[in-house]
Amino acid sequence: YRLLETVRQYAREKLFDSDEGELLRTHHLQYFLNFGEKSEPRLRGREQVITLDRLELELDNLRLALEWALQTDVAAGLRLASALQWFWHLRNRYAEGIEWLEKGLTLELENRPVSEVYEQSSTTTQCQFPRAKALCALGFLYSMQGFFVKARTVLDESLALYRQVGSDYRQGLAYVLAWLSECLSDEGKQDEALALVN
């Protein structure tokens, strides 16, 4: 079996070195982004165990897709890494989930045009959704690890972005408020926590 793995790695390297390698990796990213986003709602329902097992089987492919996204399409990487939020949590892969989200969020901020940092338009507002969702997922993972100060920092930014993008993203806003109130509650700030969810 080791020989087969060596052959597979060699074939992959040769393919990625060819002219078609970039196109293939882009198609691969789109396929696994779609796979991850379709899996996301199933991670909280009766198909949870089956979905977790499928994601585990495809973990190497998901990692390849995330790597390529960080090089070519950071927004897609943020969407994929945040769609896997419950996978990172339920399979105790906090460090990996946090690392992908942190890398993507850092790159997204570095690559954002200066005008978008200071100005808000309908276009930039729509572009904020992947960042808002990724910040929410990162805040959740931080809080599950007991990093409440870090969690509150990213969740506060996520909350501000969700308020900018408007009513189309109410579910995301609800999640941010829930995680923020949980962080406050864990810090003993019960009144502030209650104020957020009421």
Protein backbone atom coordinates (compact mmCIF):
# COMPACT_ATOMS: atom_id res chain seq x y z
CA TYR A 1 0.00 0.00 0.00
CA ARG A 2 2.91 2.35 0.62
CA LEU A 3 3.95 1.99 -3.02
CA LEU A 4 0.46 3.07 -4.12
CA GLU A 5 0.71 6.18 -1.92
CA THR A 6 4.08 7.07 -3.50
CA VAL A 7 2.63 6.65 -7.00
CA ARG A 8 -0.38 8.80 -6.06
CA GLN A 9 1.87 11.59 -4.72
CA TYR A 10 4.05 11.48 -7.85
CA ALA A 11 1.01 11.63 -10.16
CA ARG A 12 -0.43 14.55 -8.18
CA GLU A 13 2.85 16.50 -8.38
CA LYS A 14 3.12 15.92 -12.14
CA LEU A 15 -0.49 16.98 -12.67
CA PHE A 16 -0.09 20.16 -10.60
CA ASP A 17 3.08 20.99 -12.54
CA SER A 18 1.24 20.71 -15.86
CA ASP A 19 -0.72 23.51 -17.55
CA GLU A 20 -3.99 21.93 -16.42
CA GLY A 21 -2.97 21.76 -12.76
CA GLU A 22 -4.33 25.18 -11.83
CA LEU A 23 -7.67 24.55 -13.53
CA LEU A 24 -7.95 21.14 -11.86
CA ARG A 25 -7.24 22.59 -8.40
CA THR A 26 -9.84 25.32 -8.96
CA HIS A 27 -12.46 22.71 -9.89
CA HIS A 28 -11.37 20.64 -6.89
CA LEU A 29 -11.84 23.67 -4.61
CA GLN A 30 -15.31 24.39 -6.00
CA TYR A 31 -16.36 20.75 -5.60
CA PHE A 32 -15.24 20.55 -1.97
CA LEU A 33 -16.59 23.99 -1.12
CA ASN A 34 -19.98 22.78 -2.36
CA PHE A 35 -19.52 19.50 -0.47
CA GLY A 36 -18.63 21.33 2.76
CA GLU A 37 -21.49 23.81 2.53
CA LYS A 38 -24.02 21.08 1.77
CA SER A 39 -22.69 19.09 4.74
CA GLU A 40 -22.98 22.03 7.14
CA PRO A 41 -26.72 21.75 8.01
CA ARG A 42 -26.42 17.96 8.32
CA LEU A 43 -23.87 18.36 11.10
CA ARG A 44 -26.66 19.46 13.46
CA GLY A 45 -29.35 16.92 12.55
CA ARG A 46 -30.08 13.21 12.47
CA GLU A 47 -27.45 12.64 9.75
CA GLN A 48 -24.72 14.04 12.00
CA VAL A 49 -22.65 10.87 12.49
CA ILE A 50 -22.81 9.87 8.81
CA THR A 51 -21.84 13.42 7.76
CA LEU A 52 -18.97 13.56 10.25
CA ASP A 53 -17.66 10.24 8.92
CA ARG A 54 -17.90 11.45 5.29
CA LEU A 55 -16.03 14.63 6.15
CA GLU A 56 -13.38 12.61 7.96
CA LEU A 57 -12.91 10.40 4.88
CA GLU A 58 -12.47 13.50 2.71
CA LEU A 59 -10.29 15.42 5.16
CA ASP A 60 -7.18 15.30 2.96
CA ASN A 61 -9.20 16.66 0.03
CA LEU A 62 -10.70 19.37 2.23
CA ARG A 63 -7.21 20.37 3.36
CA LEU A 64 -6.00 20.55 -0.25
CA ALA A 65 -9.00 22.70 -1.14
CA LEU A 66 -8.32 25.02 1.81
CA GLU A 67 -4.63 25.32 0.85
CA TRP A 68 -5.52 26.26 -2.72
CA ALA A 69 -8.17 28.71 -1.54
CA LEU A 70 -5.61 30.55 0.59
CA GLN A 71 -3.54 31.03 -2.57
CA THR A 72 -6.30 31.91 -5.03
CA ASP A 73 -9.73 32.57 -3.46
CA VAL A 74 -9.61 33.55 0.20
CA ALA A 75 -13.37 34.14 0.42
CA ALA A 76 -13.98 30.54 -0.69
CA GLY A 77 -11.50 29.37 1.95
CA LEU A 78 -13.32 31.32 4.64
CA ARG A 79 -16.63 29.85 3.51
CA LEU A 80 -15.26 26.30 3.59
CA ALA A 81 -13.42 26.61 6.91
CA SER A 82 -16.48 28.14 8.60
CA ALA A 83 -18.85 25.58 7.04
CA LEU A 84 -16.75 22.95 8.85
CA GLN A 85 -17.17 24.68 12.24
CA TRP A 86 -19.16 21.80 13.77
CA PHE A 87 -16.81 19.22 12.27
CA TRP A 88 -13.83 20.95 13.92
CA HIS A 89 -15.77 21.01 17.20
CA LEU A 90 -17.36 17.56 17.23
CA ARG A 91 -14.22 15.75 16.05
CA ASN A 92 -12.03 17.67 18.53
CA ARG A 93 -9.99 19.33 15.78
CA TYR A 94 -10.02 22.78 17.37
CA ALA A 95 -6.40 23.64 16.62
CA GLU A 96 -6.78 22.83 12.92
CA GLY A 97 -10.05 24.72 12.55
CA ILE A 98 -8.65 27.74 14.37
CA GLU A 99 -5.51 27.70 12.21
CA TRP A 100 -7.43 27.65 8.90
CA LEU A 101 -9.78 30.41 10.04
CA GLU A 102 -7.00 32.61 11.41
CA LYS A 103 -4.93 32.25 8.22
CA GLY A 104 -7.90 33.02 5.99
CA LEU A 105 -9.03 36.03 8.02
CA THR A 106 -5.51 37.46 8.08
CA LEU A 107 -5.12 37.04 4.30
CA GLU A 108 -8.58 38.49 3.63
CA LEU A 109 -7.69 41.62 5.58
CA GLU A 110 -4.25 41.94 3.95
CA ASN A 111 -5.65 41.53 0.44
CA ARG A 112 -8.62 43.86 0.88
CA PRO A 113 -8.33 47.10 -1.13
CA VAL A 114 -7.66 50.11 1.10
CA SER A 115 -10.85 51.84 -0.12
CA GLU A 116 -12.97 48.94 1.20
CA VAL A 117 -11.42 49.18 4.65
CA TYR A 118 -12.64 52.76 5.05
CA GLU A 119 -15.75 52.89 2.86
CA GLN A 120 -18.95 50.89 2.90
CA SER A 121 -21.02 50.24 -0.22
CA SER A 122 -23.57 47.56 -1.10
CA THR A 123 -20.82 45.59 -2.87
CA THR A 124 -18.38 45.69 0.04
CA THR A 125 -21.20 44.90 2.45
CA GLN A 126 -22.02 41.66 0.57
CA CYS A 127 -18.32 40.76 0.54
CA GLN A 128 -18.28 41.01 4.33
CA PHE A 129 -20.49 37.95 4.79
CA PRO A 130 -17.71 35.30 4.50
CA ARG A 131 -15.63 37.32 6.98
CA ALA A 132 -18.56 37.70 9.40
CA LYS A 133 -19.31 33.98 9.30
CA ALA A 134 -15.64 33.01 9.67
CA LEU A 135 -15.23 35.33 12.66
CA CYS A 136 -18.31 33.77 14.24
CA ALA A 137 -16.92 30.25 13.71
CA LEU A 138 -13.54 31.30 15.07
CA GLY A 139 -15.16 32.90 18.12
CA PHE A 140 -17.11 29.71 18.78
CA LEU A 141 -13.96 27.55 18.56
CA TYR A 142 -12.03 29.95 20.80
CA SER A 143 -14.80 29.90 23.38
CA MET A 144 -14.96 26.08 23.34
CA GLN A 145 -11.25 26.12 24.18
CA GLY A 146 -11.75 28.63 27.01
CA PHE A 147 -10.12 31.58 25.20
CA PHE A 148 -12.93 33.94 26.13
CA VAL A 149 -11.11 37.24 25.60
CA LYS A 150 -10.02 36.22 22.09
CA ALA A 151 -13.52 34.88 21.43
CA ARG A 152 -15.19 38.13 22.45
CA THR A 153 -12.84 40.18 20.25
CA VAL A 154 -13.66 38.26 17.06
CA LEU A 155 -17.33 37.86 17.95
CA ASP A 156 -17.66 41.62 18.47
CA GLU A 157 -16.26 42.19 14.97
CA SER A 158 -18.57 39.51 13.57
CA LEU A 159 -21.56 41.14 15.25
CA ALA A 160 -20.70 44.52 13.74
CA LEU A 161 -20.36 42.97 10.26
CA TYR A 162 -23.62 41.02 10.54
CA ARG A 163 -25.39 44.24 11.50
CA GLN A 164 -23.96 45.85 8.35
CA VAL A 165 -24.98 43.08 5.97
CA GLY A 166 -28.59 43.29 7.12
CA SER A 167 -31.60 41.11 7.63
CA ASP A 168 -30.72 38.49 5.01
CA TYR A 169 -28.26 37.00 7.49
CA ARG A 170 -30.38 36.80 10.65
CA GLN A 171 -29.32 33.25 11.46
CA GLY A 172 -25.66 34.27 11.55
CA LEU A 173 -26.52 37.23 13.75
CA ALA A 174 -28.40 34.93 16.12
CA TYR A 175 -25.40 32.59 16.40
CA VAL A 176 -23.04 35.49 17.15
CA LEU A 177 -25.34 36.78 19.88
CA ALA A 178 -25.63 33.28 21.37
CA TRP A 179 -21.84 32.71 21.45
CA LEU A 180 -21.21 36.21 22.82
CA SER A 181 -23.75 35.75 25.59
CA GLU A 182 -22.18 32.38 26.44
CA CYS A 183 -18.73 33.98 26.68
CA LEU A 184 -20.08 36.71 28.96
CA SER A 185 -21.87 34.13 31.07
CA ASP A 186 -18.69 32.04 31.42
CA GLU A 187 -16.90 35.20 32.58
CA GLY A 188 -19.57 35.72 35.26
CA LYS A 189 -21.20 38.68 33.48
CA GLN A 190 -24.76 37.33 33.66
CA ASP A 191 -26.53 40.67 33.27
CA GLU A 192 -24.63 41.53 30.08
CA ALA A 193 -25.25 38.03 28.74
CA LEU A 194 -28.99 38.29 29.35
CA ALA A 195 -29.12 41.75 27.77
CA LEU A 196 -27.64 40.37 24.55
CA VAL A 197 -30.19 37.59 24.09
CA ASN A 198 -33.28 39.54 25.18
